[in-house]
mmCIF file of all heavy atoms, coordinates in Angstrom:
data_MODEL
# 
_entry.id   MODEL 
# 
loop_
_atom_site.group_PDB 
_atom_site.id 
_atom_site.type_symbol 
_atom_site.label_atom_id 
_atom_site.label_alt_id 
_atom_site.label_comp_id 
_atom_site.label_asym_id 
_atom_site.label_entity_id 
_atom_site.label_seq_id 
_atom_site.pdbx_PDB_ins_code 
_atom_site.Cartn_x 
_atom_site.Cartn_y 
_atom_site.Cartn_z 
_atom_site.occupancy 
_atom_site.B_iso_or_equiv 
_atom_site.pdbx_formal_charge 
_atom_site.auth_seq_id 
_atom_site.auth_comp_id 
_atom_site.auth_asym_id 
_atom_site.auth_atom_id 
_atom_site.pdbx_PDB_model_num 
ATOM 1   N N   . ARG A 1 1  ? -10.650 -26.071 14.030 1.00 0.00 ? 1  ARG A N   1 
ATOM 2   C CA  . ARG A 1 1  ? -11.012 -26.023 12.612 1.00 0.00 ? 1  ARG A CA  1 
ATOM 3   C C   . ARG A 1 1  ? -10.355 -27.147 11.860 1.00 0.00 ? 1  ARG A C   1 
ATOM 4   O O   . ARG A 1 1  ? -9.292  -27.651 12.253 1.00 0.00 ? 1  ARG A O   1 
ATOM 5   C CB  . ARG A 1 1  ? -10.617 -24.677 11.998 1.00 0.00 ? 1  ARG A CB  1 
ATOM 6   C CG  . ARG A 1 1  ? -9.128  -24.360 12.043 1.00 0.00 ? 1  ARG A CG  1 
ATOM 7   C CD  . ARG A 1 1  ? -8.895  -22.963 11.505 1.00 0.00 ? 1  ARG A CD  1 
ATOM 8   N NE  . ARG A 1 1  ? -7.518  -22.511 11.699 1.00 0.00 ? 1  ARG A NE  1 
ATOM 9   C CZ  . ARG A 1 1  ? -6.593  -22.560 10.767 1.00 0.00 ? 1  ARG A CZ  1 
ATOM 10  N NH1 . ARG A 1 1  ? -6.883  -23.059 9.586  1.00 0.00 ? 1  ARG A NH1 1 
ATOM 11  N NH2 . ARG A 1 1  ? -5.370  -22.116 11.005 1.00 0.00 ? 1  ARG A NH2 1 
ATOM 12  N N   . ASP A 1 2  ? -10.989 -27.534 10.782 1.00 0.00 ? 2  ASP A N   1 
ATOM 13  C CA  . ASP A 1 2  ? -10.467 -28.543 9.861  1.00 0.00 ? 2  ASP A CA  1 
ATOM 14  C C   . ASP A 1 2  ? -10.420 -27.903 8.492  1.00 0.00 ? 2  ASP A C   1 
ATOM 15  O O   . ASP A 1 2  ? -11.455 -27.738 7.838  1.00 0.00 ? 2  ASP A O   1 
ATOM 16  C CB  . ASP A 1 2  ? -11.369 -29.780 9.874  1.00 0.00 ? 2  ASP A CB  1 
ATOM 17  C CG  . ASP A 1 2  ? -10.816 -30.917 9.032  1.00 0.00 ? 2  ASP A CG  1 
ATOM 18  O OD1 . ASP A 1 2  ? -10.109 -30.652 8.039  1.00 0.00 ? 2  ASP A OD1 1 
ATOM 19  O OD2 . ASP A 1 2  ? -11.111 -32.073 9.353  1.00 0.00 ? 2  ASP A OD2 1 
ATOM 20  N N   . ASN A 1 3  ? -9.224  -27.531 8.069  1.00 0.00 ? 3  ASN A N   1 
ATOM 21  C CA  . ASN A 1 3  ? -9.107  -26.820 6.790  1.00 0.00 ? 3  ASN A CA  1 
ATOM 22  C C   . ASN A 1 3  ? -9.532  -27.696 5.615  1.00 0.00 ? 3  ASN A C   1 
ATOM 23  O O   . ASN A 1 3  ? -10.111 -27.211 4.648  1.00 0.00 ? 3  ASN A O   1 
ATOM 24  C CB  . ASN A 1 3  ? -7.669  -26.349 6.593  1.00 0.00 ? 3  ASN A CB  1 
ATOM 25  C CG  . ASN A 1 3  ? -7.285  -25.258 7.562  1.00 0.00 ? 3  ASN A CG  1 
ATOM 26  O OD1 . ASN A 1 3  ? -8.150  -24.645 8.195  1.00 0.00 ? 3  ASN A OD1 1 
ATOM 27  N ND2 . ASN A 1 3  ? -5.991  -25.025 7.720  1.00 0.00 ? 3  ASN A ND2 1 
ATOM 28  N N   . ALA A 1 4  ? -9.237  -28.971 5.694  1.00 0.00 ? 4  ALA A N   1 
ATOM 29  C CA  . ALA A 1 4  ? -9.577  -29.873 4.586  1.00 0.00 ? 4  ALA A CA  1 
ATOM 30  C C   . ALA A 1 4  ? -11.091 -29.934 4.380  1.00 0.00 ? 4  ALA A C   1 
ATOM 31  O O   . ALA A 1 4  ? -11.559 -30.061 3.248  1.00 0.00 ? 4  ALA A O   1 
ATOM 32  C CB  . ALA A 1 4  ? -9.018  -31.260 4.858  1.00 0.00 ? 4  ALA A CB  1 
ATOM 33  N N   . LYS A 1 5  ? -11.828 -29.837 5.460  1.00 0.00 ? 5  LYS A N   1 
ATOM 34  C CA  . LYS A 1 5  ? -13.291 -29.864 5.375  1.00 0.00 ? 5  LYS A CA  1 
ATOM 35  C C   . LYS A 1 5  ? -13.885 -28.463 5.348  1.00 0.00 ? 5  LYS A C   1 
ATOM 36  O O   . LYS A 1 5  ? -15.105 -28.313 5.256  1.00 0.00 ? 5  LYS A O   1 
ATOM 37  C CB  . LYS A 1 5  ? -13.870 -30.647 6.553  1.00 0.00 ? 5  LYS A CB  1 
ATOM 38  C CG  . LYS A 1 5  ? -13.479 -32.108 6.558  1.00 0.00 ? 5  LYS A CG  1 
ATOM 39  C CD  . LYS A 1 5  ? -14.123 -32.841 7.733  1.00 0.00 ? 5  LYS A CD  1 
ATOM 40  C CE  . LYS A 1 5  ? -13.756 -34.315 7.714  1.00 0.00 ? 5  LYS A CE  1 
ATOM 41  N NZ  . LYS A 1 5  ? -14.368 -35.050 8.856  1.00 0.00 ? 5  LYS A NZ  1 
ATOM 42  N N   . ASN A 1 6  ? -13.010 -27.468 5.480  1.00 0.00 ? 6  ASN A N   1 
ATOM 43  C CA  . ASN A 1 6  ? -13.461 -26.066 5.527  1.00 0.00 ? 6  ASN A CA  1 
ATOM 44  C C   . ASN A 1 6  ? -14.564 -25.888 6.568  1.00 0.00 ? 6  ASN A C   1 
ATOM 45  O O   . ASN A 1 6  ? -15.617 -25.280 6.318  1.00 0.00 ? 6  ASN A O   1 
ATOM 46  C CB  . ASN A 1 6  ? -13.939 -25.577 4.164  1.00 0.00 ? 6  ASN A CB  1 
ATOM 47  C CG  . ASN A 1 6  ? -13.727 -24.086 3.994  1.00 0.00 ? 6  ASN A CG  1 
ATOM 48  O OD1 . ASN A 1 6  ? -12.790 -23.511 4.552  1.00 0.00 ? 6  ASN A OD1 1 
ATOM 49  N ND2 . ASN A 1 6  ? -14.593 -23.457 3.232  1.00 0.00 ? 6  ASN A ND2 1 
ATOM 50  N N   . THR A 1 7  ? -14.312 -26.420 7.738  1.00 0.00 ? 7  THR A N   1 
ATOM 51  C CA  . THR A 1 7  ? -15.301 -26.446 8.804  1.00 0.00 ? 7  THR A CA  1 
ATOM 52  C C   . THR A 1 7  ? -14.674 -26.006 10.116 1.00 0.00 ? 7  THR A C   1 
ATOM 53  O O   . THR A 1 7  ? -13.537 -26.364 10.422 1.00 0.00 ? 7  THR A O   1 
ATOM 54  C CB  . THR A 1 7  ? -15.894 -27.854 8.962  1.00 0.00 ? 7  THR A CB  1 
ATOM 55  O OG1 . THR A 1 7  ? -16.545 -28.217 7.737  1.00 0.00 ? 7  THR A OG1 1 
ATOM 56  C CG2 . THR A 1 7  ? -16.894 -27.915 10.100 1.00 0.00 ? 7  THR A CG2 1 
ATOM 57  N N   . MET A 1 8  ? -15.437 -25.224 10.870 1.00 0.00 ? 8  MET A N   1 
ATOM 58  C CA  . MET A 1 8  ? -15.049 -24.827 12.212 1.00 0.00 ? 8  MET A CA  1 
ATOM 59  C C   . MET A 1 8  ? -15.935 -25.549 13.210 1.00 0.00 ? 8  MET A C   1 
ATOM 60  O O   . MET A 1 8  ? -17.104 -25.829 12.911 1.00 0.00 ? 8  MET A O   1 
ATOM 61  C CB  . MET A 1 8  ? -15.203 -23.310 12.390 1.00 0.00 ? 8  MET A CB  1 
ATOM 62  C CG  . MET A 1 8  ? -14.775 -22.798 13.752 1.00 0.00 ? 8  MET A CG  1 
ATOM 63  S SD  . MET A 1 8  ? -14.853 -21.000 13.876 1.00 0.00 ? 8  MET A SD  1 
ATOM 64  C CE  . MET A 1 8  ? -16.613 -20.726 13.801 1.00 0.00 ? 8  MET A CE  1 
ATOM 65  N N   . TYR A 1 9  ? -15.378 -25.853 14.364 1.00 0.00 ? 9  TYR A N   1 
ATOM 66  C CA  . TYR A 1 9  ? -16.114 -26.607 15.368 1.00 0.00 ? 9  TYR A CA  1 
ATOM 67  C C   . TYR A 1 9  ? -16.145 -25.845 16.693 1.00 0.00 ? 9  TYR A C   1 
ATOM 68  O O   . TYR A 1 9  ? -15.249 -25.073 17.006 1.00 0.00 ? 9  TYR A O   1 
ATOM 69  C CB  . TYR A 1 9  ? -15.469 -27.975 15.605 1.00 0.00 ? 9  TYR A CB  1 
ATOM 70  C CG  . TYR A 1 9  ? -15.371 -28.819 14.374 1.00 0.00 ? 9  TYR A CG  1 
ATOM 71  C CD1 . TYR A 1 9  ? -14.184 -28.880 13.635 1.00 0.00 ? 9  TYR A CD1 1 
ATOM 72  C CD2 . TYR A 1 9  ? -16.468 -29.559 13.927 1.00 0.00 ? 9  TYR A CD2 1 
ATOM 73  C CE1 . TYR A 1 9  ? -14.096 -29.650 12.487 1.00 0.00 ? 9  TYR A CE1 1 
ATOM 74  C CE2 . TYR A 1 9  ? -16.385 -30.338 12.785 1.00 0.00 ? 9  TYR A CE2 1 
ATOM 75  C CZ  . TYR A 1 9  ? -15.200 -30.372 12.064 1.00 0.00 ? 9  TYR A CZ  1 
ATOM 76  O OH  . TYR A 1 9  ? -15.120 -31.143 10.923 1.00 0.00 ? 9  TYR A OH  1 
ATOM 77  N N   . LEU A 1 10 ? -17.183 -26.115 17.447 1.00 0.00 ? 10 LEU A N   1 
ATOM 78  C CA  . LEU A 1 10 ? -17.274 -25.639 18.822 1.00 0.00 ? 10 LEU A CA  1 
ATOM 79  C C   . LEU A 1 10 ? -17.576 -26.844 19.696 1.00 0.00 ? 10 LEU A C   1 
ATOM 80  O O   . LEU A 1 10 ? -18.691 -27.358 19.681 1.00 0.00 ? 10 LEU A O   1 
ATOM 81  C CB  . LEU A 1 10 ? -18.362 -24.571 18.973 1.00 0.00 ? 10 LEU A CB  1 
ATOM 82  C CG  . LEU A 1 10 ? -18.531 -24.013 20.384 1.00 0.00 ? 10 LEU A CG  1 
ATOM 83  C CD1 . LEU A 1 10 ? -17.298 -23.207 20.795 1.00 0.00 ? 10 LEU A CD1 1 
ATOM 84  C CD2 . LEU A 1 10 ? -19.785 -23.141 20.482 1.00 0.00 ? 10 LEU A CD2 1 
ATOM 85  N N   . GLN A 1 11 ? -16.564 -27.314 20.399 1.00 0.00 ? 11 GLN A N   1 
ATOM 86  C CA  . GLN A 1 11 ? -16.748 -28.417 21.332 1.00 0.00 ? 11 GLN A CA  1 
ATOM 87  C C   . GLN A 1 11 ? -17.210 -27.848 22.657 1.00 0.00 ? 11 GLN A C   1 
ATOM 88  O O   . GLN A 1 11 ? -16.521 -26.995 23.239 1.00 0.00 ? 11 GLN A O   1 
ATOM 89  C CB  . GLN A 1 11 ? -15.436 -29.190 21.512 1.00 0.00 ? 11 GLN A CB  1 
ATOM 90  C CG  . GLN A 1 11 ? -15.504 -30.319 22.510 1.00 0.00 ? 11 GLN A CG  1 
ATOM 91  C CD  . GLN A 1 11 ? -16.411 -31.445 22.060 1.00 0.00 ? 11 GLN A CD  1 
ATOM 92  O OE1 . GLN A 1 11 ? -16.374 -31.856 20.905 1.00 0.00 ? 11 GLN A OE1 1 
ATOM 93  N NE2 . GLN A 1 11 ? -17.250 -31.944 22.972 1.00 0.00 ? 11 GLN A NE2 1 
ATOM 94  N N   . MET A 1 12 ? -18.345 -28.311 23.128 1.00 0.00 ? 12 MET A N   1 
ATOM 95  C CA  . MET A 1 12 ? -18.925 -27.786 24.366 1.00 0.00 ? 12 MET A CA  1 
ATOM 96  C C   . MET A 1 12 ? -19.008 -28.913 25.386 1.00 0.00 ? 12 MET A C   1 
ATOM 97  O O   . MET A 1 12 ? -19.705 -29.900 25.163 1.00 0.00 ? 12 MET A O   1 
ATOM 98  C CB  . MET A 1 12 ? -20.312 -27.208 24.085 1.00 0.00 ? 12 MET A CB  1 
ATOM 99  C CG  . MET A 1 12 ? -20.319 -26.154 22.981 1.00 0.00 ? 12 MET A CG  1 
ATOM 100 S SD  . MET A 1 12 ? -21.932 -25.370 22.765 1.00 0.00 ? 12 MET A SD  1 
ATOM 101 C CE  . MET A 1 12 ? -22.904 -26.764 22.218 1.00 0.00 ? 12 MET A CE  1 
ATOM 102 N N   . ASN A 1 13 ? -18.288 -28.762 26.462 1.00 0.00 ? 13 ASN A N   1 
ATOM 103 C CA  . ASN A 1 13 ? -18.280 -29.747 27.543 1.00 0.00 ? 13 ASN A CA  1 
ATOM 104 C C   . ASN A 1 13 ? -18.859 -29.151 28.814 1.00 0.00 ? 13 ASN A C   1 
ATOM 105 O O   . ASN A 1 13 ? -18.974 -27.929 28.943 1.00 0.00 ? 13 ASN A O   1 
ATOM 106 C CB  . ASN A 1 13 ? -16.852 -30.226 27.799 1.00 0.00 ? 13 ASN A CB  1 
ATOM 107 C CG  . ASN A 1 13 ? -16.225 -30.902 26.604 1.00 0.00 ? 13 ASN A CG  1 
ATOM 108 O OD1 . ASN A 1 13 ? -16.906 -31.548 25.804 1.00 0.00 ? 13 ASN A OD1 1 
ATOM 109 N ND2 . ASN A 1 13 ? -14.916 -30.756 26.456 1.00 0.00 ? 13 ASN A ND2 1 
ATOM 110 N N   . SER A 1 14 ? -19.207 -30.013 29.733 1.00 0.00 ? 14 SER A N   1 
ATOM 111 C CA  . SER A 1 14 ? -19.749 -29.573 31.028 1.00 0.00 ? 14 SER A CA  1 
ATOM 112 C C   . SER A 1 14 ? -20.867 -28.553 30.837 1.00 0.00 ? 14 SER A C   1 
ATOM 113 O O   . SER A 1 14 ? -20.886 -27.487 31.484 1.00 0.00 ? 14 SER A O   1 
ATOM 114 C CB  . SER A 1 14 ? -18.625 -28.978 31.890 1.00 0.00 ? 14 SER A CB  1 
ATOM 115 O OG  . SER A 1 14 ? -17.594 -29.913 32.088 1.00 0.00 ? 14 SER A OG  1 
ATOM 116 N N   . LEU A 1 15 ? -21.781 -28.880 29.975 1.00 0.00 ? 15 LEU A N   1 
ATOM 117 C CA  . LEU A 1 15 ? -22.850 -27.937 29.640 1.00 0.00 ? 15 LEU A CA  1 
ATOM 118 C C   . LEU A 1 15 ? -23.754 -27.670 30.840 1.00 0.00 ? 15 LEU A C   1 
ATOM 119 O O   . LEU A 1 15 ? -24.002 -28.556 31.672 1.00 0.00 ? 15 LEU A O   1 
ATOM 120 C CB  . LEU A 1 15 ? -23.659 -28.468 28.462 1.00 0.00 ? 15 LEU A CB  1 
ATOM 121 C CG  . LEU A 1 15 ? -22.971 -28.288 27.100 1.00 0.00 ? 15 LEU A CG  1 
ATOM 122 C CD1 . LEU A 1 15 ? -23.601 -29.202 26.062 1.00 0.00 ? 15 LEU A CD1 1 
ATOM 123 C CD2 . LEU A 1 15 ? -23.045 -26.838 26.665 1.00 0.00 ? 15 LEU A CD2 1 
ATOM 124 N N   . LYS A 1 16 ? -24.236 -26.444 30.875 1.00 0.00 ? 16 LYS A N   1 
ATOM 125 C CA  . LYS A 1 16 ? -25.110 -25.984 31.951 1.00 0.00 ? 16 LYS A CA  1 
ATOM 126 C C   . LYS A 1 16 ? -26.436 -25.515 31.345 1.00 0.00 ? 16 LYS A C   1 
ATOM 127 O O   . LYS A 1 16 ? -26.483 -25.119 30.192 1.00 0.00 ? 16 LYS A O   1 
ATOM 128 C CB  . LYS A 1 16 ? -24.452 -24.816 32.689 1.00 0.00 ? 16 LYS A CB  1 
ATOM 129 C CG  . LYS A 1 16 ? -23.064 -25.107 33.222 1.00 0.00 ? 16 LYS A CG  1 
ATOM 130 C CD  . LYS A 1 16 ? -22.454 -23.853 33.832 1.00 0.00 ? 16 LYS A CD  1 
ATOM 131 C CE  . LYS A 1 16 ? -21.053 -24.114 34.341 1.00 0.00 ? 16 LYS A CE  1 
ATOM 132 N NZ  . LYS A 1 16 ? -20.449 -22.885 34.924 1.00 0.00 ? 16 LYS A NZ  1 
ATOM 133 N N   . PRO A 1 17 ? -27.495 -25.517 32.147 1.00 0.00 ? 17 PRO A N   1 
ATOM 134 C CA  . PRO A 1 17 ? -28.784 -25.014 31.609 1.00 0.00 ? 17 PRO A CA  1 
ATOM 135 C C   . PRO A 1 17 ? -28.682 -23.602 31.057 1.00 0.00 ? 17 PRO A C   1 
ATOM 136 O O   . PRO A 1 17 ? -29.369 -23.273 30.078 1.00 0.00 ? 17 PRO A O   1 
ATOM 137 C CB  . PRO A 1 17 ? -29.699 -25.087 32.838 1.00 0.00 ? 17 PRO A CB  1 
ATOM 138 C CG  . PRO A 1 17 ? -29.142 -26.220 33.641 1.00 0.00 ? 17 PRO A CG  1 
ATOM 139 C CD  . PRO A 1 17 ? -27.655 -26.125 33.469 1.00 0.00 ? 17 PRO A CD  1 
ATOM 140 N N   . GLU A 1 18 ? -27.827 -22.790 31.632 1.00 0.00 ? 18 GLU A N   1 
ATOM 141 C CA  . GLU A 1 18 ? -27.691 -21.417 31.137 1.00 0.00 ? 18 GLU A CA  1 
ATOM 142 C C   . GLU A 1 18 ? -26.969 -21.331 29.794 1.00 0.00 ? 18 GLU A C   1 
ATOM 143 O O   . GLU A 1 18 ? -26.880 -20.255 29.211 1.00 0.00 ? 18 GLU A O   1 
ATOM 144 C CB  . GLU A 1 18 ? -26.968 -20.539 32.158 1.00 0.00 ? 18 GLU A CB  1 
ATOM 145 C CG  . GLU A 1 18 ? -25.655 -21.112 32.669 1.00 0.00 ? 18 GLU A CG  1 
ATOM 146 C CD  . GLU A 1 18 ? -25.845 -21.832 33.996 1.00 0.00 ? 18 GLU A CD  1 
ATOM 147 O OE1 . GLU A 1 18 ? -26.839 -22.591 34.148 1.00 0.00 ? 18 GLU A OE1 1 
ATOM 148 O OE2 . GLU A 1 18 ? -24.961 -21.658 34.877 1.00 0.00 ? 18 GLU A OE2 1 
ATOM 149 N N   . ASP A 1 19 ? -26.477 -22.444 29.295 1.00 0.00 ? 19 ASP A N   1 
ATOM 150 C CA  . ASP A 1 19 ? -25.900 -22.471 27.946 1.00 0.00 ? 19 ASP A CA  1 
ATOM 151 C C   . ASP A 1 19 ? -26.972 -22.642 26.880 1.00 0.00 ? 19 ASP A C   1 
ATOM 152 O O   . ASP A 1 19 ? -26.675 -22.587 25.676 1.00 0.00 ? 19 ASP A O   1 
ATOM 153 C CB  . ASP A 1 19 ? -24.893 -23.612 27.817 1.00 0.00 ? 19 ASP A CB  1 
ATOM 154 C CG  . ASP A 1 19 ? -23.662 -23.422 28.685 1.00 0.00 ? 19 ASP A CG  1 
ATOM 155 O OD1 . ASP A 1 19 ? -23.171 -22.277 28.775 1.00 0.00 ? 19 ASP A OD1 1 
ATOM 156 O OD2 . ASP A 1 19 ? -23.195 -24.420 29.278 1.00 0.00 ? 19 ASP A OD2 1 
ATOM 157 N N   . THR A 1 20 ? -28.203 -22.858 27.291 1.00 0.00 ? 20 THR A N   1 
ATOM 158 C CA  . THR A 1 20 ? -29.305 -23.025 26.344 1.00 0.00 ? 20 THR A CA  1 
ATOM 159 C C   . THR A 1 20 ? -29.488 -21.768 25.515 1.00 0.00 ? 20 THR A C   1 
ATOM 160 O O   . THR A 1 20 ? -29.632 -20.666 26.051 1.00 0.00 ? 20 THR A O   1 
ATOM 161 C CB  . THR A 1 20 ? -30.608 -23.351 27.098 1.00 0.00 ? 20 THR A CB  1 
ATOM 162 O OG1 . THR A 1 20 ? -30.475 -24.612 27.748 1.00 0.00 ? 20 THR A OG1 1 
ATOM 163 C CG2 . THR A 1 20 ? -31.787 -23.401 26.134 1.00 0.00 ? 20 THR A CG2 1 
ATOM 164 N N   . ALA A 1 21 ? -29.451 -21.929 24.199 1.00 0.00 ? 21 ALA A N   1 
ATOM 165 C CA  . ALA A 1 21 ? -29.551 -20.790 23.284 1.00 0.00 ? 21 ALA A CA  1 
ATOM 166 C C   . ALA A 1 21 ? -29.499 -21.303 21.851 1.00 0.00 ? 21 ALA A C   1 
ATOM 167 O O   . ALA A 1 21 ? -29.203 -22.478 21.610 1.00 0.00 ? 21 ALA A O   1 
ATOM 168 C CB  . ALA A 1 21 ? -28.410 -19.801 23.516 1.00 0.00 ? 21 ALA A CB  1 
ATOM 169 N N   . VAL A 1 22 ? -29.760 -20.405 20.931 1.00 0.00 ? 22 VAL A N   1 
ATOM 170 C CA  . VAL A 1 22 ? -29.457 -20.668 19.527 1.00 0.00 ? 22 VAL A CA  1 
ATOM 171 C C   . VAL A 1 22 ? -28.019 -20.212 19.301 1.00 0.00 ? 22 VAL A C   1 
ATOM 172 O O   . VAL A 1 22 ? -27.657 -19.085 19.633 1.00 0.00 ? 22 VAL A O   1 
ATOM 173 C CB  . VAL A 1 22 ? -30.417 -19.918 18.581 1.00 0.00 ? 22 VAL A CB  1 
ATOM 174 C CG1 . VAL A 1 22 ? -30.006 -20.152 17.131 1.00 0.00 ? 22 VAL A CG1 1 
ATOM 175 C CG2 . VAL A 1 22 ? -31.847 -20.360 18.823 1.00 0.00 ? 22 VAL A CG2 1 
ATOM 176 N N   . TYR A 1 23 ? -27.222 -21.103 18.748 1.00 0.00 ? 23 TYR A N   1 
ATOM 177 C CA  . TYR A 1 23 ? -25.814 -20.822 18.512 1.00 0.00 ? 23 TYR A CA  1 
ATOM 178 C C   . TYR A 1 23 ? -25.589 -20.507 17.031 1.00 0.00 ? 23 TYR A C   1 
ATOM 179 O O   . TYR A 1 23 ? -26.087 -21.227 16.156 1.00 0.00 ? 23 TYR A O   1 
ATOM 180 C CB  . TYR A 1 23 ? -24.956 -22.003 18.933 1.00 0.00 ? 23 TYR A CB  1 
ATOM 181 C CG  . TYR A 1 23 ? -24.791 -22.096 20.431 1.00 0.00 ? 23 TYR A CG  1 
ATOM 182 C CD1 . TYR A 1 23 ? -25.856 -22.460 21.245 1.00 0.00 ? 23 TYR A CD1 1 
ATOM 183 C CD2 . TYR A 1 23 ? -23.578 -21.796 21.040 1.00 0.00 ? 23 TYR A CD2 1 
ATOM 184 C CE1 . TYR A 1 23 ? -25.717 -22.514 22.626 1.00 0.00 ? 23 TYR A CE1 1 
ATOM 185 C CE2 . TYR A 1 23 ? -23.420 -21.853 22.409 1.00 0.00 ? 23 TYR A CE2 1 
ATOM 186 C CZ  . TYR A 1 23 ? -24.499 -22.209 23.198 1.00 0.00 ? 23 TYR A CZ  1 
ATOM 187 O OH  . TYR A 1 23 ? -24.357 -22.272 24.573 1.00 0.00 ? 23 TYR A OH  1 
ATOM 188 N N   . TYR A 1 24 ? -24.846 -19.439 16.803 1.00 0.00 ? 24 TYR A N   1 
ATOM 189 C CA  . TYR A 1 24 ? -24.551 -18.991 15.450 1.00 0.00 ? 24 TYR A CA  1 
ATOM 190 C C   . TYR A 1 24 ? -23.047 -18.965 15.225 1.00 0.00 ? 24 TYR A C   1 
ATOM 191 O O   . TYR A 1 24 ? -22.287 -18.556 16.113 1.00 0.00 ? 24 TYR A O   1 
ATOM 192 C CB  . TYR A 1 24 ? -25.067 -17.573 15.231 1.00 0.00 ? 24 TYR A CB  1 
ATOM 193 C CG  . TYR A 1 24 ? -26.550 -17.396 15.395 1.00 0.00 ? 24 TYR A CG  1 
ATOM 194 C CD1 . TYR A 1 24 ? -27.113 -17.099 16.634 1.00 0.00 ? 24 TYR A CD1 1 
ATOM 195 C CD2 . TYR A 1 24 ? -27.408 -17.524 14.301 1.00 0.00 ? 24 TYR A CD2 1 
ATOM 196 C CE1 . TYR A 1 24 ? -28.483 -16.928 16.788 1.00 0.00 ? 24 TYR A CE1 1 
ATOM 197 C CE2 . TYR A 1 24 ? -28.770 -17.348 14.442 1.00 0.00 ? 24 TYR A CE2 1 
ATOM 198 C CZ  . TYR A 1 24 ? -29.303 -17.054 15.687 1.00 0.00 ? 24 TYR A CZ  1 
ATOM 199 O OH  . TYR A 1 24 ? -30.658 -16.883 15.823 1.00 0.00 ? 24 TYR A OH  1 
ATOM 200 N N   . CYS A 1 25 ? -22.647 -19.350 14.044 1.00 0.00 ? 25 CYS A N   1 
ATOM 201 C CA  . CYS A 1 25 ? -21.269 -19.086 13.657 1.00 0.00 ? 25 CYS A CA  1 
ATOM 202 C C   . CYS A 1 25 ? -21.259 -17.868 12.746 1.00 0.00 ? 25 CYS A C   1 
ATOM 203 O O   . CYS A 1 25 ? -22.237 -17.583 12.045 1.00 0.00 ? 25 CYS A O   1 
ATOM 204 C CB  . CYS A 1 25 ? -20.602 -20.283 12.992 1.00 0.00 ? 25 CYS A CB  1 
ATOM 205 S SG  . CYS A 1 25 ? -21.230 -20.734 11.386 1.00 0.00 ? 25 CYS A SG  1 
ATOM 206 N N   . ALA A 1 26 ? -20.164 -17.162 12.783 1.00 0.00 ? 26 ALA A N   1 
ATOM 207 C CA  . ALA A 1 26 ? -20.026 -15.929 12.022 1.00 0.00 ? 26 ALA A CA  1 
ATOM 208 C C   . ALA A 1 26 ? -18.624 -15.834 11.459 1.00 0.00 ? 26 ALA A C   1 
ATOM 209 O O   . ALA A 1 26 ? -17.685 -16.426 11.995 1.00 0.00 ? 26 ALA A O   1 
ATOM 210 C CB  . ALA A 1 26 ? -20.325 -14.723 12.901 1.00 0.00 ? 26 ALA A CB  1 
ATOM 211 N N   . SER A 1 27 ? -18.499 -15.062 10.411 1.00 0.00 ? 27 SER A N   1 
ATOM 212 C CA  . SER A 1 27 ? -17.225 -14.979 9.721  1.00 0.00 ? 27 SER A CA  1 
ATOM 213 C C   . SER A 1 27 ? -16.980 -13.556 9.239  1.00 0.00 ? 27 SER A C   1 
ATOM 214 O O   . SER A 1 27 ? -17.922 -12.836 8.883  1.00 0.00 ? 27 SER A O   1 
ATOM 215 C CB  . SER A 1 27 ? -17.243 -15.937 8.519  1.00 0.00 ? 27 SER A CB  1 
ATOM 216 O OG  . SER A 1 27 ? -16.140 -15.701 7.677  1.00 0.00 ? 27 SER A OG  1 
ATOM 217 N N   . ASP A 1 28 ? -15.719 -13.193 9.271  1.00 0.00 ? 28 ASP A N   1 
ATOM 218 C CA  . ASP A 1 28 ? -15.346 -11.907 8.697  1.00 0.00 ? 28 ASP A CA  1 
ATOM 219 C C   . ASP A 1 28 ? -13.960 -12.037 8.084  1.00 0.00 ? 28 ASP A C   1 
ATOM 220 O O   . ASP A 1 28 ? -13.106 -12.730 8.647  1.00 0.00 ? 28 ASP A O   1 
ATOM 221 C CB  . ASP A 1 28 ? -15.353 -10.818 9.763  1.00 0.00 ? 28 ASP A CB  1 
ATOM 222 C CG  . ASP A 1 28 ? -15.378 -9.440  9.147  1.00 0.00 ? 28 ASP A CG  1 
ATOM 223 O OD1 . ASP A 1 28 ? -16.460 -9.011  8.698  1.00 0.00 ? 28 ASP A OD1 1 
ATOM 224 O OD2 . ASP A 1 28 ? -14.321 -8.807  9.096  1.00 0.00 ? 28 ASP A OD2 1 
# 
């Protein structure tokens, strides 16, 4: 996360075909 930008990140490496999907961020 970058608090200054108020942004969360998901770094995805070594991606596989089974990672194919719609990705959602969520907050509580």
